[in-house]
């Protein structure tokens, strides 16, 4: 058995265990939504997730996706990425060990994630000075695409 299928099995089992711990049913639709989220290597919206989930299980409804997203976030298997637009983005939580900063290209609307381990230290240091506990933090940088400015085309555009 290859490592990919072992990883997939582990993620699915983690999700199943989480559902059971919350008294929620393990359904084929929820598992299809989880699989669709992990099949995507980039950020996705709820509507993207719906489309991908339906490719796995055509019975997945929009309502099921919107109800599953908070469950997946609470399980820490996916995370929500708010970039200040009218809709939220999500991403599979493959590497939760390092703080991730988002760099958003305002030209091609692509979201890049980079490791920013200093943010853990910074957040804790600032919170400690105020006798607070860090609940959440984020670092986002909005930038323009140099390639678009020079060549008139950005090959990263979605």
N, C-alpha and C. Protein backbone atom coordinates (compact mmCIF):
# COMPACT_ATOMS: atom_id res chain seq x y z
N UNK A 1 0.85 -1.18 0.00
CA UNK A 1 0.00 0.00 0.00
C UNK A 1 0.89 1.24 0.00
N UNK A 2 0.59 2.20 -0.86
CA UNK A 2 1.44 3.40 -0.94
C UNK A 2 1.11 4.38 0.19
N UNK A 3 2.00 5.34 0.41
CA UNK A 3 1.84 6.28 1.52
C UNK A 3 0.64 7.20 1.33
N UNK A 4 0.28 7.49 0.06
CA UNK A 4 -0.87 8.36 -0.19
C UNK A 4 -2.14 7.74 0.34
N UNK A 5 -2.34 6.46 0.08
CA UNK A 5 -3.56 5.83 0.56
C UNK A 5 -3.52 5.65 2.08
N UNK A 6 -2.34 5.48 2.66
CA UNK A 6 -2.24 5.44 4.13
C UNK A 6 -2.61 6.79 4.72
N UNK A 7 -2.15 7.85 4.09
CA UNK A 7 -2.48 9.20 4.54
C UNK A 7 -3.98 9.45 4.41
N UNK A 8 -4.54 9.06 3.29
CA UNK A 8 -5.98 9.23 3.07
C UNK A 8 -6.77 8.46 4.11
N UNK A 9 -6.35 7.23 4.38
CA UNK A 9 -7.04 6.42 5.40
C UNK A 9 -6.95 7.09 6.77
N UNK A 10 -5.78 7.63 7.10
CA UNK A 10 -5.60 8.28 8.40
C UNK A 10 -6.48 9.52 8.52
N UNK A 11 -6.54 10.32 7.47
CA UNK A 11 -7.38 11.53 7.48
C UNK A 11 -8.85 11.15 7.61
N UNK A 12 -9.28 10.15 6.84
CA UNK A 12 -10.67 9.69 6.91
C UNK A 12 -10.99 9.17 8.31
N UNK A 13 -10.07 8.40 8.89
CA UNK A 13 -10.32 7.85 10.23
C UNK A 13 -10.36 8.95 11.27
N UNK A 14 -9.50 9.94 11.14
CA UNK A 14 -9.52 11.09 12.05
C UNK A 14 -10.87 11.79 11.98
N UNK A 15 -11.38 11.98 10.77
CA UNK A 15 -12.67 12.63 10.58
C UNK A 15 -13.80 11.77 11.15
N UNK A 16 -13.76 10.48 10.89
CA UNK A 16 -14.79 9.58 11.44
C UNK A 16 -14.78 9.62 12.97
N UNK A 17 -13.59 9.56 13.56
CA UNK A 17 -13.48 9.61 15.02
C UNK A 17 -14.04 10.92 15.56
N UNK A 18 -13.76 12.02 14.85
CA UNK A 18 -14.27 13.32 15.27
C UNK A 18 -15.79 13.34 15.21
N UNK A 19 -16.36 12.85 14.12
CA UNK A 19 -17.82 12.81 13.97
C UNK A 19 -18.45 12.01 15.11
N UNK A 20 -17.90 10.84 15.39
CA UNK A 20 -18.43 10.00 16.47
C UNK A 20 -18.33 10.73 17.81
N UNK A 21 -17.21 11.40 18.05
CA UNK A 21 -17.03 12.12 19.32
C UNK A 21 -18.05 13.24 19.50
N UNK A 22 -18.57 13.76 18.40
CA UNK A 22 -19.56 14.84 18.45
C UNK A 22 -20.99 14.30 18.33
N UNK A 23 -21.13 12.98 18.24
CA UNK A 23 -22.45 12.39 18.11
C UNK A 23 -23.07 12.61 16.74
N UNK A 24 -22.23 12.79 15.73
CA UNK A 24 -22.70 13.02 14.36
C UNK A 24 -22.55 11.75 13.53
N UNK A 25 -23.41 11.60 12.56
CA UNK A 25 -23.39 10.44 11.68
C UNK A 25 -22.24 10.53 10.68
N UNK A 26 -21.67 9.36 10.39
CA UNK A 26 -20.68 9.25 9.32
C UNK A 26 -21.47 8.93 8.06
N UNK A 27 -21.47 9.87 7.11
CA UNK A 27 -22.24 9.66 5.88
C UNK A 27 -21.31 9.67 4.68
N UNK A 28 -21.77 9.04 3.60
CA UNK A 28 -20.99 9.05 2.36
C UNK A 28 -20.79 10.47 1.85
N UNK A 29 -21.80 11.34 2.04
CA UNK A 29 -21.69 12.72 1.57
C UNK A 29 -20.60 13.47 2.34
N UNK A 30 -20.55 13.31 3.65
CA UNK A 30 -19.51 13.97 4.44
C UNK A 30 -18.13 13.47 4.04
N UNK A 31 -18.01 12.17 3.81
CA UNK A 31 -16.72 11.62 3.40
C UNK A 31 -16.34 12.11 2.00
N UNK A 32 -17.31 12.26 1.12
CA UNK A 32 -17.03 12.79 -0.22
C UNK A 32 -16.54 14.23 -0.13
N UNK A 33 -17.14 15.01 0.75
CA UNK A 33 -16.73 16.41 0.94
C UNK A 33 -15.31 16.46 1.48
N UNK A 34 -15.00 15.61 2.45
CA UNK A 34 -13.64 15.54 2.98
C UNK A 34 -12.65 15.16 1.88
N UNK A 35 -12.98 14.12 1.11
CA UNK A 35 -12.09 13.69 0.03
C UNK A 35 -11.89 14.79 -1.00
N UNK A 36 -12.97 15.49 -1.33
CA UNK A 36 -12.87 16.59 -2.31
C UNK A 36 -11.96 17.69 -1.78
N UNK A 37 -12.07 18.01 -0.50
CA UNK A 37 -11.22 19.04 0.10
C UNK A 37 -9.75 18.64 0.04
N UNK A 38 -9.46 17.38 0.30
CA UNK A 38 -8.07 16.91 0.29
C UNK A 38 -7.55 16.62 -1.11
N UNK A 39 -8.44 16.48 -2.07
CA UNK A 39 -8.00 16.31 -3.46
C UNK A 39 -7.54 17.63 -4.06
N UNK A 40 -7.93 18.73 -3.45
CA UNK A 40 -7.58 20.06 -3.95
C UNK A 40 -6.28 20.52 -3.30
N UNK A 41 -5.30 20.84 -4.11
CA UNK A 41 -4.00 21.26 -3.57
C UNK A 41 -3.93 22.76 -3.33
N UNK A 42 -4.97 23.48 -3.69
CA UNK A 42 -4.98 24.93 -3.56
C UNK A 42 -6.17 25.36 -2.71
N UNK A 43 -6.34 26.64 -2.54
CA UNK A 43 -7.49 27.18 -1.82
C UNK A 43 -8.76 26.94 -2.63
N UNK A 44 -9.88 26.83 -1.96
CA UNK A 44 -11.15 26.62 -2.65
C UNK A 44 -12.26 27.31 -1.89
N UNK A 45 -13.33 27.61 -2.60
CA UNK A 45 -14.53 28.19 -1.98
C UNK A 45 -15.51 27.06 -1.68
N UNK A 46 -16.57 27.40 -0.98
CA UNK A 46 -17.62 26.41 -0.71
C UNK A 46 -18.22 25.91 -2.01
N UNK A 47 -18.40 26.80 -2.97
CA UNK A 47 -18.96 26.40 -4.27
C UNK A 47 -18.01 25.48 -5.03
N UNK A 48 -16.70 25.75 -4.95
CA UNK A 48 -15.71 24.85 -5.55
C UNK A 48 -15.81 23.47 -4.91
N UNK A 49 -15.94 23.46 -3.59
CA UNK A 49 -16.03 22.21 -2.85
C UNK A 49 -17.29 21.44 -3.23
N UNK A 50 -18.39 22.14 -3.42
CA UNK A 50 -19.63 21.50 -3.85
C UNK A 50 -19.42 20.80 -5.20
N UNK A 51 -18.84 21.51 -6.13
CA UNK A 51 -18.62 20.96 -7.47
C UNK A 51 -17.71 19.72 -7.41
N UNK A 52 -16.63 19.82 -6.66
CA UNK A 52 -15.69 18.69 -6.55
C UNK A 52 -16.32 17.51 -5.81
N UNK A 53 -17.11 17.82 -4.79
CA UNK A 53 -17.78 16.76 -4.02
C UNK A 53 -18.77 16.00 -4.88
N UNK A 54 -19.48 16.72 -5.71
CA UNK A 54 -20.47 16.07 -6.59
C UNK A 54 -19.81 15.17 -7.63
N UNK A 55 -18.55 15.43 -7.96
CA UNK A 55 -17.83 14.52 -8.85
C UNK A 55 -17.56 13.18 -8.17
N UNK A 56 -17.48 13.19 -6.86
CA UNK A 56 -17.25 11.98 -6.08
C UNK A 56 -18.57 11.30 -5.74
N UNK A 57 -19.55 12.11 -5.32
CA UNK A 57 -20.87 11.60 -4.93
C UNK A 57 -21.91 12.60 -5.39
N UNK A 58 -22.66 12.25 -6.42
CA UNK A 58 -23.62 13.18 -7.03
C UNK A 58 -24.76 13.57 -6.09
N UNK A 59 -24.93 12.87 -4.98
CA UNK A 59 -26.02 13.19 -4.04
C UNK A 59 -25.65 14.31 -3.07
N UNK A 60 -24.42 14.82 -3.11
CA UNK A 60 -24.01 15.89 -2.20
C UNK A 60 -24.77 17.17 -2.57
N UNK A 61 -25.40 17.77 -1.57
CA UNK A 61 -26.16 19.00 -1.80
C UNK A 61 -25.37 20.21 -1.30
N UNK A 62 -25.78 21.37 -1.76
CA UNK A 62 -25.17 22.62 -1.31
C UNK A 62 -25.31 22.76 0.21
N UNK A 63 -26.50 22.44 0.72
CA UNK A 63 -26.75 22.55 2.17
C UNK A 63 -25.81 21.63 2.95
N UNK A 64 -25.56 20.44 2.42
CA UNK A 64 -24.66 19.49 3.10
C UNK A 64 -23.24 20.05 3.16
N UNK A 65 -22.80 20.66 2.07
CA UNK A 65 -21.46 21.26 2.05
C UNK A 65 -21.38 22.38 3.09
N UNK A 66 -22.37 23.26 3.11
CA UNK A 66 -22.34 24.39 4.05
C UNK A 66 -22.46 23.93 5.50
N UNK A 67 -23.15 22.81 5.74
CA UNK A 67 -23.21 22.27 7.10
C UNK A 67 -21.93 21.54 7.47
N UNK A 68 -21.26 20.94 6.48
CA UNK A 68 -20.04 20.18 6.74
C UNK A 68 -18.82 21.08 6.98
N UNK A 69 -18.80 22.25 6.37
CA UNK A 69 -17.62 23.13 6.50
C UNK A 69 -17.28 23.46 7.96
N UNK A 70 -18.24 23.90 8.79
CA UNK A 70 -17.88 24.18 10.19
C UNK A 70 -17.39 22.93 10.94
N UNK A 71 -17.93 21.77 10.57
CA UNK A 71 -17.49 20.52 11.20
C UNK A 71 -16.04 20.23 10.82
N UNK A 72 -15.73 20.40 9.55
CA UNK A 72 -14.36 20.17 9.08
C UNK A 72 -13.38 21.16 9.70
N UNK A 73 -13.82 22.40 9.87
CA UNK A 73 -12.96 23.41 10.50
C UNK A 73 -12.74 23.07 11.96
N UNK A 74 -13.81 22.71 12.66
CA UNK A 74 -13.69 22.35 14.08
C UNK A 74 -12.78 21.13 14.26
N UNK A 75 -12.83 20.20 13.31
CA UNK A 75 -11.97 19.01 13.39
C UNK A 75 -10.51 19.33 13.10
N UNK A 76 -10.27 20.54 12.60
CA UNK A 76 -8.94 21.02 12.24
C UNK A 76 -8.36 20.32 11.01
N UNK A 77 -9.23 19.65 10.24
CA UNK A 77 -8.78 19.00 9.01
C UNK A 77 -8.73 19.98 7.85
N UNK A 78 -9.54 21.03 7.90
CA UNK A 78 -9.41 22.13 6.96
C UNK A 78 -9.40 23.42 7.75
N UNK A 79 -8.96 24.46 7.10
CA UNK A 79 -8.98 25.77 7.76
C UNK A 79 -9.59 26.80 6.84
N UNK A 80 -10.20 27.78 7.47
CA UNK A 80 -10.82 28.88 6.73
C UNK A 80 -9.80 29.98 6.54
N UNK A 81 -9.76 30.54 5.34
CA UNK A 81 -8.84 31.62 5.02
C UNK A 81 -9.68 32.81 4.57
N UNK A 82 -9.71 33.85 5.38
CA UNK A 82 -10.47 35.05 5.06
C UNK A 82 -9.52 36.07 4.48
N UNK A 83 -9.72 36.41 3.20
CA UNK A 83 -8.84 37.38 2.55
C UNK A 83 -9.56 38.70 2.31
N UNK A 84 -10.66 38.91 3.02
CA UNK A 84 -11.36 40.18 2.94
C UNK A 84 -12.29 40.32 1.75
N UNK A 85 -12.61 39.24 1.08
CA UNK A 85 -13.57 39.27 -0.02
C UNK A 85 -14.94 38.87 0.52
N UNK A 86 -15.95 38.93 -0.34
CA UNK A 86 -17.30 38.59 0.13
C UNK A 86 -17.48 37.11 0.39
N UNK A 87 -16.56 36.27 -0.05
CA UNK A 87 -16.65 34.84 0.22
C UNK A 87 -15.36 34.36 0.89
N UNK A 88 -15.49 33.28 1.61
CA UNK A 88 -14.34 32.71 2.32
C UNK A 88 -13.67 31.66 1.44
N UNK A 89 -12.41 31.44 1.72
CA UNK A 89 -11.66 30.37 1.09
C UNK A 89 -11.32 29.34 2.16
N UNK A 90 -11.05 28.14 1.71
CA UNK A 90 -10.70 27.05 2.62
C UNK A 90 -9.51 26.32 2.04
N UNK A 91 -8.82 25.59 2.91
CA UNK A 91 -7.68 24.80 2.46
C UNK A 91 -7.52 23.61 3.38
N UNK A 92 -7.16 22.47 2.79
CA UNK A 92 -6.88 21.28 3.60
C UNK A 92 -5.70 21.58 4.50
N UNK A 93 -5.79 21.15 5.73
CA UNK A 93 -4.76 21.42 6.73
C UNK A 93 -3.71 20.32 6.70
N UNK A 94 -2.90 20.33 5.67
CA UNK A 94 -1.90 19.27 5.50
C UNK A 94 -0.70 19.46 6.41
N UNK A 95 -0.29 20.70 6.63
CA UNK A 95 0.88 20.97 7.46
C UNK A 95 0.51 22.02 8.49
N UNK A 96 -0.02 21.57 9.59
CA UNK A 96 -0.48 22.50 10.62
C UNK A 96 0.62 22.83 11.62
N UNK A 97 1.86 22.43 11.33
CA UNK A 97 2.95 22.63 12.29
C UNK A 97 3.53 24.04 12.25
N UNK A 98 3.43 24.70 11.12
CA UNK A 98 4.04 26.01 10.96
C UNK A 98 2.97 27.05 10.62
N UNK A 99 3.07 28.21 11.23
CA UNK A 99 2.14 29.30 10.93
C UNK A 99 2.26 29.65 9.44
N UNK A 100 1.13 29.83 8.79
CA UNK A 100 1.11 30.17 7.37
C UNK A 100 0.62 31.61 7.19
N UNK A 101 1.37 32.40 6.46
CA UNK A 101 0.94 33.74 6.08
C UNK A 101 0.42 33.67 4.65
N UNK A 102 -0.56 34.51 4.35
CA UNK A 102 -1.11 34.54 3.00
C UNK A 102 -0.61 35.77 2.27
N UNK A 103 -0.23 35.56 1.02
CA UNK A 103 0.11 36.65 0.12
C UNK A 103 -0.92 36.56 -1.00
N UNK A 104 -1.70 37.61 -1.16
CA UNK A 104 -2.78 37.62 -2.14
C UNK A 104 -2.39 38.54 -3.28
N UNK A 105 -2.38 38.00 -4.50
CA UNK A 105 -2.10 38.81 -5.68
C UNK A 105 -3.40 39.50 -6.08
N UNK A 106 -3.41 40.80 -6.02
CA UNK A 106 -4.64 41.53 -6.36
C UNK A 106 -4.89 41.57 -7.87
N UNK A 107 -3.92 41.15 -8.66
CA UNK A 107 -4.10 41.10 -10.12
C UNK A 107 -4.70 39.77 -10.56
N UNK A 108 -4.12 38.66 -10.10
CA UNK A 108 -4.61 37.34 -10.53
C UNK A 108 -5.48 36.67 -9.48
N UNK A 109 -5.62 37.29 -8.33
CA UNK A 109 -6.47 36.81 -7.23
C UNK A 109 -6.03 35.46 -6.68
N UNK A 110 -4.79 35.09 -6.90
CA UNK A 110 -4.27 33.84 -6.36
C UNK A 110 -3.80 34.08 -4.94
N UNK A 111 -4.00 33.08 -4.09
CA UNK A 111 -3.55 33.14 -2.70
C UNK A 111 -2.34 32.22 -2.57
N UNK A 112 -1.24 32.78 -2.12
CA UNK A 112 -0.04 32.00 -1.88
C UNK A 112 0.13 31.86 -0.37
N UNK A 113 0.61 30.73 0.08
CA UNK A 113 0.86 30.53 1.50
C UNK A 113 2.35 30.32 1.69
N UNK A 114 2.90 31.02 2.66
CA UNK A 114 4.32 30.85 2.97
C UNK A 114 4.46 30.63 4.47
N UNK A 115 5.48 29.87 4.83
CA UNK A 115 5.75 29.65 6.24
C UNK A 115 6.17 30.96 6.90
N UNK A 116 5.61 31.22 8.06
CA UNK A 116 5.96 32.42 8.82
C UNK A 116 6.07 32.05 10.30
N UNK A 117 7.07 31.21 10.65
CA UNK A 117 7.18 30.72 12.02
C UNK A 117 7.38 31.82 13.05
N UNK A 118 7.91 32.95 12.64
CA UNK A 118 8.11 34.07 13.56
C UNK A 118 6.79 34.60 14.12
N UNK A 119 5.69 34.35 13.42
CA UNK A 119 4.39 34.86 13.88
C UNK A 119 3.94 34.19 15.17
N UNK A 120 4.26 32.91 15.34
CA UNK A 120 3.93 32.25 16.61
C UNK A 120 4.62 32.97 17.76
N UNK A 121 5.91 33.24 17.58
CA UNK A 121 6.67 33.93 18.60
C UNK A 121 6.12 35.34 18.83
N UNK A 122 5.87 36.05 17.75
CA UNK A 122 5.39 37.43 17.85
C UNK A 122 4.04 37.49 18.58
N UNK A 123 3.09 36.66 18.17
CA UNK A 123 1.78 36.66 18.81
C UNK A 123 1.87 36.35 20.29
N UNK A 124 2.67 35.36 20.64
CA UNK A 124 2.81 34.99 22.06
C UNK A 124 3.49 36.11 22.85
N UNK A 125 4.50 36.71 22.27
CA UNK A 125 5.22 37.79 22.96
C UNK A 125 4.31 38.97 23.24
N UNK A 126 3.55 39.40 22.24
CA UNK A 126 2.64 40.53 22.40
C UNK A 126 1.55 40.20 23.40
N UNK A 127 0.96 39.02 23.29
CA UNK A 127 -0.11 38.62 24.19
C UNK A 127 0.40 38.50 25.63
N UNK A 128 1.58 37.92 25.81
CA UNK A 128 2.15 37.78 27.15
C UNK A 128 2.35 39.13 27.83
N UNK A 129 2.79 40.14 27.06
CA UNK A 129 3.00 41.47 27.63
C UNK A 129 1.71 42.07 28.15
N UNK A 130 0.58 41.64 27.58
CA UNK A 130 -0.73 42.16 27.99
C UNK A 130 -1.47 41.16 28.88
N UNK A 131 -0.80 40.09 29.29
CA UNK A 131 -1.39 39.03 30.11
C UNK A 131 -2.63 38.43 29.42
N UNK A 132 -2.49 38.18 28.12
CA UNK A 132 -3.57 37.58 27.33
C UNK A 132 -3.08 36.27 26.73
N UNK A 133 -4.02 35.50 26.23
CA UNK A 133 -3.72 34.23 25.56
C UNK A 133 -4.13 34.36 24.10
N UNK A 134 -3.24 34.01 23.17
CA UNK A 134 -3.53 34.12 21.75
C UNK A 134 -4.63 33.13 21.38
N UNK A 135 -5.69 33.65 20.81
CA UNK A 135 -6.78 32.80 20.32
C UNK A 135 -6.59 32.53 18.83
N UNK A 136 -6.25 33.56 18.08
CA UNK A 136 -5.98 33.40 16.65
C UNK A 136 -5.15 34.60 16.19
N UNK A 137 -4.53 34.43 15.06
CA UNK A 137 -3.78 35.52 14.45
C UNK A 137 -3.62 35.22 12.98
N UNK A 138 -3.38 36.25 12.20
CA UNK A 138 -3.16 36.04 10.78
C UNK A 138 -2.26 37.15 10.24
N UNK A 139 -1.59 36.82 9.18
CA UNK A 139 -0.75 37.77 8.48
C UNK A 139 -1.09 37.65 7.00
N UNK A 140 -1.54 38.75 6.43
CA UNK A 140 -1.85 38.77 5.01
C UNK A 140 -1.17 39.94 4.35
N UNK A 141 -0.63 39.67 3.20
CA UNK A 141 0.02 40.69 2.39
C UNK A 141 -0.69 40.70 1.04
N UNK A 142 -1.08 41.87 0.59
CA UNK A 142 -1.67 42.02 -0.74
C UNK A 142 -0.61 42.64 -1.64
N UNK A 143 -0.45 42.05 -2.82
CA UNK A 143 0.62 42.51 -3.71
C UNK A 143 0.13 42.52 -5.16
N UNK A 144 0.89 43.19 -6.01
CA UNK A 144 0.61 43.20 -7.44
C UNK A 144 1.59 42.27 -8.14
N UNK A 145 1.18 41.72 -9.25
CA UNK A 145 1.96 40.74 -10.00
C UNK A 145 2.95 41.47 -10.93
N UNK A 146 4.25 41.28 -10.67
CA UNK A 146 5.28 41.88 -11.52
C UNK A 146 5.23 41.31 -12.93
N UNK A 147 4.95 40.04 -13.06
CA UNK A 147 4.88 39.40 -14.37
C UNK A 147 3.78 40.04 -15.23
N UNK A 148 2.65 40.33 -14.62
CA UNK A 148 1.55 40.97 -15.35
C UNK A 148 1.96 42.38 -15.79
N UNK A 149 2.63 43.09 -14.92
CA UNK A 149 3.07 44.45 -15.23
C UNK A 149 4.07 44.46 -16.39
N UNK A 150 4.98 43.51 -16.40
CA UNK A 150 6.02 43.47 -17.42
C UNK A 150 5.52 42.84 -18.72
N UNK A 151 4.89 41.66 -18.62
CA UNK A 151 4.52 40.90 -19.81
C UNK A 151 3.07 41.09 -20.24
N UNK A 152 2.25 41.65 -19.37
CA UNK A 152 0.84 41.82 -19.69
C UNK A 152 0.01 40.57 -19.49
N UNK A 153 0.67 39.50 -19.03
CA UNK A 153 -0.01 38.23 -18.80
C UNK A 153 0.54 37.60 -17.52
N UNK A 154 -0.34 36.99 -16.75
CA UNK A 154 0.12 36.27 -15.57
C UNK A 154 -0.27 34.80 -15.73
N UNK A 155 0.71 33.91 -15.78
CA UNK A 155 0.41 32.50 -15.98
C UNK A 155 -0.16 31.85 -14.72
N UNK A 156 -0.17 32.59 -13.60
CA UNK A 156 -0.74 32.04 -12.36
C UNK A 156 -2.24 32.31 -12.25
N UNK A 157 -2.77 33.16 -13.13
CA UNK A 157 -4.20 33.52 -13.05
C UNK A 157 -5.05 32.27 -13.09
N UNK A 158 -6.01 32.20 -12.18
CA UNK A 158 -6.89 31.02 -12.08
C UNK A 158 -7.77 30.89 -13.28
